[in-house]
Structure formats: C-alpha cells, structure tokens
Amino acid sequence: MTTPQTRPHDDAMIDMLRQQPDFAAEYLRVAFEELDEEGGEAAFLMALRHVVEARGGMAQIAEKAQLSRETLYRTLSANGNPTLKTLSAVIHAAGLRFADIAHAA
C-alpha cells in the first residue's frame, strides 16, 4: 500500500496562484476581510507572501518595491508590521492595486 503524496499548503497555494493569476486579488480580498479576526493580520501577511512568491519571488518583488530582500521577508512575517507605504509598494510590485483587491469578486 502506498502512502498518498502530500505537499505543504504554502507550496500548493503558491502553485495555484501561479496557475491562476487572477485569483490573487480575490485571495487577498478574503484575507483583508478577515483582518479583524484573531490571527487576521498574520493571515493577511501570509496571503500577501504567497502572492509575492507566485509573482516572481521575494528577491524580484523586493527589488521592484525598492526594498531589501531581508526587509521584505521581515515585513511579510507573521510578526511583520508594515506601513501602508510598504504594503502599497509590495502590492504594486506584485502587479496589483488596492482597487483590484477591493473589487475582486
């Protein structure tokens, strides 16, 4: 009997976001709507990290956002506390706009 192949949720989500680029705005919209729930801030930052990984990776998005790679990793960690300016730079570097996230359906 063989054991089923499994892979980490993060990897599966990043692959899905790569295969379905339009899903990114919806994914971030749902995470944004859940910000007020317990763990919502960390969940939103993780969702944004998944999008960043799917849209070119940390190094490429950091360069586009004019941040160091280390700063981007720290910003998108579960304990990250990004400013609105940093969030905007990262979202734009990933090819999205706040309006895309707000109007995703």
N, C-alpha and C. Protein backbone atom coordinates (compact mmCIF):
# COMPACT_ATOMS: atom_id res chain seq x y z
N MET A 1 0.85 -1.18 0.00
CA MET A 1 0.00 0.00 0.00
C MET A 1 0.90 1.24 0.00
N THR A 2 0.61 2.14 -0.89
CA THR A 2 1.41 3.36 -0.96
C THR A 2 0.73 4.46 -0.17
N THR A 3 1.56 5.32 0.37
CA THR A 3 1.01 6.47 1.10
C THR A 3 0.74 7.59 0.11
N PRO A 4 -0.33 8.32 0.32
CA PRO A 4 -0.64 9.41 -0.61
C PRO A 4 0.43 10.50 -0.55
N GLN A 5 0.70 11.07 -1.70
CA GLN A 5 1.67 12.16 -1.76
C GLN A 5 1.00 13.43 -1.24
N THR A 6 1.68 14.08 -0.35
CA THR A 6 1.17 15.36 0.15
C THR A 6 2.26 16.40 -0.02
N ARG A 7 1.85 17.64 -0.03
CA ARG A 7 2.82 18.73 -0.07
C ARG A 7 2.30 19.85 0.81
N PRO A 8 3.19 20.67 1.26
CA PRO A 8 2.79 21.73 2.18
C PRO A 8 1.74 22.67 1.56
N HIS A 9 0.86 23.15 2.41
CA HIS A 9 -0.20 24.07 1.98
C HIS A 9 0.39 25.30 1.29
N ASP A 10 1.46 25.86 1.84
CA ASP A 10 2.06 27.05 1.25
C ASP A 10 2.46 26.79 -0.20
N ASP A 11 3.11 25.66 -0.45
CA ASP A 11 3.55 25.33 -1.82
C ASP A 11 2.36 25.17 -2.75
N ALA A 12 1.32 24.50 -2.28
CA ALA A 12 0.12 24.29 -3.09
C ALA A 12 -0.55 25.62 -3.42
N MET A 13 -0.62 26.52 -2.45
CA MET A 13 -1.25 27.82 -2.67
C MET A 13 -0.45 28.65 -3.67
N ILE A 14 0.86 28.64 -3.53
CA ILE A 14 1.72 29.40 -4.46
C ILE A 14 1.55 28.86 -5.87
N ASP A 15 1.51 27.54 -6.03
CA ASP A 15 1.30 26.94 -7.35
C ASP A 15 -0.05 27.36 -7.93
N MET A 16 -1.09 27.36 -7.10
CA MET A 16 -2.42 27.76 -7.57
C MET A 16 -2.40 29.21 -8.03
N LEU A 17 -1.74 30.07 -7.27
CA LEU A 17 -1.65 31.48 -7.64
C LEU A 17 -0.85 31.68 -8.93
N ARG A 18 0.12 30.84 -9.17
CA ARG A 18 0.88 30.91 -10.43
C ARG A 18 0.02 30.48 -11.61
N GLN A 19 -0.76 29.43 -11.40
CA GLN A 19 -1.59 28.88 -12.48
C GLN A 19 -2.82 29.73 -12.75
N GLN A 20 -3.29 30.45 -11.75
CA GLN A 20 -4.49 31.28 -11.87
C GLN A 20 -4.18 32.69 -11.37
N PRO A 21 -3.46 33.49 -12.16
CA PRO A 21 -3.03 34.82 -11.71
C PRO A 21 -4.18 35.72 -11.26
N ASP A 22 -5.35 35.59 -11.87
CA ASP A 22 -6.48 36.43 -11.49
C ASP A 22 -7.01 36.11 -10.10
N PHE A 23 -6.67 34.94 -9.58
CA PHE A 23 -7.12 34.52 -8.26
C PHE A 23 -6.45 35.35 -7.15
N ALA A 24 -5.32 35.97 -7.43
CA ALA A 24 -4.56 36.69 -6.40
C ALA A 24 -5.37 37.80 -5.75
N ALA A 25 -6.09 38.59 -6.54
CA ALA A 25 -6.87 39.69 -5.97
C ALA A 25 -7.97 39.16 -5.06
N GLU A 26 -8.65 38.10 -5.49
CA GLU A 26 -9.71 37.51 -4.66
C GLU A 26 -9.14 36.93 -3.37
N TYR A 27 -8.02 36.26 -3.48
CA TYR A 27 -7.35 35.67 -2.32
C TYR A 27 -6.99 36.74 -1.30
N LEU A 28 -6.43 37.86 -1.77
CA LEU A 28 -6.07 38.95 -0.87
C LEU A 28 -7.31 39.66 -0.32
N ARG A 29 -8.38 39.75 -1.13
CA ARG A 29 -9.61 40.38 -0.65
C ARG A 29 -10.18 39.62 0.54
N VAL A 30 -10.23 38.30 0.41
CA VAL A 30 -10.76 37.47 1.51
C VAL A 30 -9.89 37.63 2.75
N ALA A 31 -8.57 37.61 2.57
CA ALA A 31 -7.66 37.78 3.70
C ALA A 31 -7.84 39.16 4.34
N PHE A 32 -8.07 40.18 3.50
CA PHE A 32 -8.29 41.53 4.01
C PHE A 32 -9.58 41.59 4.84
N GLU A 33 -10.63 40.94 4.35
CA GLU A 33 -11.91 40.95 5.07
C GLU A 33 -11.79 40.29 6.44
N GLU A 34 -10.82 39.41 6.61
CA GLU A 34 -10.65 38.68 7.86
C GLU A 34 -9.61 39.31 8.79
N LEU A 35 -9.16 40.52 8.46
CA LEU A 35 -8.14 41.19 9.28
C LEU A 35 -8.56 41.39 10.73
N ASP A 36 -9.84 41.65 10.97
CA ASP A 36 -10.30 41.92 12.33
C ASP A 36 -10.44 40.67 13.18
N GLU A 37 -10.38 39.50 12.57
CA GLU A 37 -10.49 38.26 13.32
C GLU A 37 -9.16 37.93 14.00
N GLU A 38 -9.22 37.08 15.00
CA GLU A 38 -7.99 36.66 15.68
C GLU A 38 -7.05 36.01 14.67
N GLY A 39 -5.82 36.48 14.63
CA GLY A 39 -4.84 35.96 13.69
C GLY A 39 -4.98 36.52 12.29
N GLY A 40 -5.90 37.46 12.11
CA GLY A 40 -6.17 38.01 10.78
C GLY A 40 -5.00 38.76 10.17
N GLU A 41 -4.27 39.51 11.00
CA GLU A 41 -3.13 40.27 10.46
C GLU A 41 -2.06 39.33 9.94
N ALA A 42 -1.72 38.31 10.70
CA ALA A 42 -0.71 37.34 10.27
C ALA A 42 -1.19 36.59 9.03
N ALA A 43 -2.48 36.28 8.97
CA ALA A 43 -3.03 35.57 7.81
C ALA A 43 -2.97 36.44 6.55
N PHE A 44 -3.25 37.74 6.70
CA PHE A 44 -3.16 38.63 5.54
C PHE A 44 -1.72 38.72 5.04
N LEU A 45 -0.78 38.85 5.96
CA LEU A 45 0.62 38.94 5.56
C LEU A 45 1.08 37.64 4.90
N MET A 46 0.59 36.50 5.37
CA MET A 46 0.93 35.23 4.74
C MET A 46 0.33 35.15 3.34
N ALA A 47 -0.89 35.61 3.18
CA ALA A 47 -1.52 35.61 1.86
C ALA A 47 -0.72 36.49 0.90
N LEU A 48 -0.31 37.66 1.37
CA LEU A 48 0.49 38.55 0.53
C LEU A 48 1.83 37.90 0.20
N ARG A 49 2.40 37.19 1.16
CA ARG A 49 3.66 36.49 0.90
C ARG A 49 3.47 35.42 -0.17
N HIS A 50 2.36 34.69 -0.13
CA HIS A 50 2.07 33.70 -1.16
C HIS A 50 2.00 34.36 -2.54
N VAL A 51 1.31 35.50 -2.61
CA VAL A 51 1.19 36.22 -3.88
C VAL A 51 2.56 36.68 -4.36
N VAL A 52 3.37 37.20 -3.46
CA VAL A 52 4.72 37.64 -3.81
C VAL A 52 5.54 36.48 -4.37
N GLU A 53 5.48 35.34 -3.70
CA GLU A 53 6.22 34.16 -4.18
C GLU A 53 5.73 33.73 -5.56
N ALA A 54 4.43 33.79 -5.78
CA ALA A 54 3.86 33.38 -7.05
C ALA A 54 4.15 34.36 -8.17
N ARG A 55 4.34 35.61 -7.83
CA ARG A 55 4.52 36.67 -8.83
C ARG A 55 5.98 37.02 -9.09
N GLY A 56 6.89 36.15 -8.76
CA GLY A 56 8.29 36.41 -9.09
C GLY A 56 9.25 36.11 -7.97
N GLY A 57 8.75 35.96 -6.77
CA GLY A 57 9.63 35.63 -5.65
C GLY A 57 10.04 36.85 -4.85
N MET A 58 10.58 36.58 -3.68
CA MET A 58 10.92 37.65 -2.74
C MET A 58 11.97 38.61 -3.30
N ALA A 59 13.02 38.08 -3.91
CA ALA A 59 14.10 38.94 -4.40
C ALA A 59 13.60 39.88 -5.49
N GLN A 60 12.85 39.35 -6.45
CA GLN A 60 12.36 40.16 -7.56
C GLN A 60 11.36 41.22 -7.09
N ILE A 61 10.43 40.83 -6.25
CA ILE A 61 9.43 41.79 -5.77
C ILE A 61 10.08 42.83 -4.86
N ALA A 62 11.04 42.42 -4.04
CA ALA A 62 11.75 43.38 -3.19
C ALA A 62 12.44 44.44 -4.04
N GLU A 63 13.09 43.99 -5.11
CA GLU A 63 13.77 44.94 -5.99
C GLU A 63 12.78 45.91 -6.62
N LYS A 64 11.66 45.39 -7.13
CA LYS A 64 10.64 46.25 -7.74
C LYS A 64 10.05 47.23 -6.72
N ALA A 65 9.91 46.78 -5.48
CA ALA A 65 9.34 47.63 -4.43
C ALA A 65 10.38 48.54 -3.79
N GLN A 66 11.62 48.43 -4.23
CA GLN A 66 12.74 49.20 -3.70
C GLN A 66 12.94 48.95 -2.21
N LEU A 67 12.89 47.65 -1.87
CA LEU A 67 13.16 47.20 -0.50
C LEU A 67 14.27 46.17 -0.56
N SER A 68 14.96 45.98 0.55
CA SER A 68 15.91 44.87 0.58
C SER A 68 15.11 43.58 0.74
N ARG A 69 15.68 42.49 0.29
CA ARG A 69 15.02 41.19 0.42
C ARG A 69 14.75 40.88 1.89
N GLU A 70 15.72 41.20 2.74
CA GLU A 70 15.57 40.95 4.17
C GLU A 70 14.40 41.75 4.76
N THR A 71 14.27 43.00 4.32
CA THR A 71 13.16 43.83 4.80
C THR A 71 11.83 43.24 4.36
N LEU A 72 11.77 42.76 3.13
CA LEU A 72 10.52 42.17 2.65
C LEU A 72 10.18 40.91 3.44
N TYR A 73 11.16 40.05 3.68
CA TYR A 73 10.91 38.85 4.49
C TYR A 73 10.38 39.24 5.88
N ARG A 74 11.02 40.21 6.50
CA ARG A 74 10.62 40.66 7.83
C ARG A 74 9.21 41.27 7.80
N THR A 75 8.95 42.07 6.78
CA THR A 75 7.66 42.73 6.63
C THR A 75 6.52 41.73 6.50
N LEU A 76 6.75 40.65 5.75
CA LEU A 76 5.70 39.68 5.48
C LEU A 76 5.71 38.50 6.44
N SER A 77 6.49 38.60 7.50
CA SER A 77 6.49 37.54 8.51
C SER A 77 5.23 37.65 9.36
N ALA A 78 4.93 36.63 10.12
CA ALA A 78 3.74 36.63 10.99
C ALA A 78 3.77 37.79 11.97
N ASN A 79 4.96 38.25 12.34
CA ASN A 79 5.10 39.37 13.27
C ASN A 79 5.35 40.69 12.57
N GLY A 80 5.25 40.70 11.24
CA GLY A 80 5.51 41.91 10.48
C GLY A 80 4.52 43.01 10.84
N ASN A 81 4.96 44.24 10.69
CA ASN A 81 4.11 45.39 10.99
C ASN A 81 4.37 46.46 9.92
N PRO A 82 3.98 46.14 8.67
CA PRO A 82 4.31 47.05 7.57
C PRO A 82 3.51 48.35 7.62
N THR A 83 4.11 49.38 7.09
CA THR A 83 3.40 50.65 6.93
C THR A 83 2.52 50.54 5.69
N LEU A 84 1.59 51.45 5.56
CA LEU A 84 0.75 51.49 4.37
C LEU A 84 1.61 51.72 3.12
N LYS A 85 2.63 52.55 3.26
CA LYS A 85 3.53 52.83 2.15
C LYS A 85 4.23 51.54 1.69
N THR A 86 4.69 50.74 2.63
CA THR A 86 5.37 49.48 2.29
C THR A 86 4.38 48.50 1.67
N LEU A 87 3.19 48.37 2.25
CA LEU A 87 2.18 47.48 1.67
C LEU A 87 1.86 47.89 0.24
N SER A 88 1.70 49.17 0.02
CA SER A 88 1.40 49.68 -1.31
C SER A 88 2.52 49.32 -2.29
N ALA A 89 3.76 49.53 -1.88
CA ALA A 89 4.90 49.22 -2.75
C ALA A 89 4.94 47.74 -3.09
N VAL A 90 4.68 46.88 -2.13
CA VAL A 90 4.72 45.43 -2.36
C VAL A 90 3.57 45.01 -3.26
N ILE A 91 2.38 45.50 -2.98
CA ILE A 91 1.21 45.14 -3.80
C ILE A 91 1.40 45.60 -5.24
N HIS A 92 1.90 46.82 -5.43
CA HIS A 92 2.15 47.31 -6.79
C HIS A 92 3.27 46.52 -7.47
N ALA A 93 4.31 46.19 -6.74
CA ALA A 93 5.42 45.41 -7.31
C ALA A 93 4.95 44.02 -7.74
N ALA A 94 3.91 43.51 -7.09
CA ALA A 94 3.36 42.20 -7.45
C ALA A 94 2.35 42.32 -8.60
N GLY A 95 2.19 43.53 -9.12
CA GLY A 95 1.31 43.72 -10.27
C GLY A 95 -0.15 43.93 -9.93
N LEU A 96 -0.43 44.29 -8.69
CA LEU A 96 -1.80 44.52 -8.25
C LEU A 96 -1.96 45.95 -7.76
N ARG A 97 -3.21 46.34 -7.54
CA ARG A 97 -3.52 47.63 -6.94
C ARG A 97 -4.50 47.37 -5.80
N PHE A 98 -4.58 48.30 -4.86
CA PHE A 98 -5.56 48.15 -3.78
C PHE A 98 -6.97 48.03 -4.36
N ALA A 99 -7.25 48.78 -5.43
CA ALA A 99 -8.58 48.72 -6.04
C ALA A 99 -8.89 47.32 -6.57
N ASP A 100 -7.87 46.62 -7.08
CA ASP A 100 -8.08 45.25 -7.56
C ASP A 100 -8.55 44.36 -6.42
N ILE A 101 -7.96 44.55 -5.26
CA ILE A 101 -8.29 43.74 -4.09
C ILE A 101 -9.69 44.10 -3.57
N ALA A 102 -9.99 45.40 -3.53
CA ALA A 102 -11.27 45.86 -3.01
C ALA A 102 -12.44 45.41 -3.88
N HIS A 103 -12.22 45.30 -5.19
CA HIS A 103 -13.31 44.99 -6.12
C HIS A 103 -13.31 43.55 -6.60
N ALA A 104 -12.43 42.73 -6.08
CA ALA A 104 -12.39 41.33 -6.51
C ALA A 104 -13.68 40.64 -6.07
N ALA A 105 -14.18 39.80 -6.93
CA ALA A 105 -15.40 39.06 -6.57
C ALA A 105 -15.38 37.68 -7.17
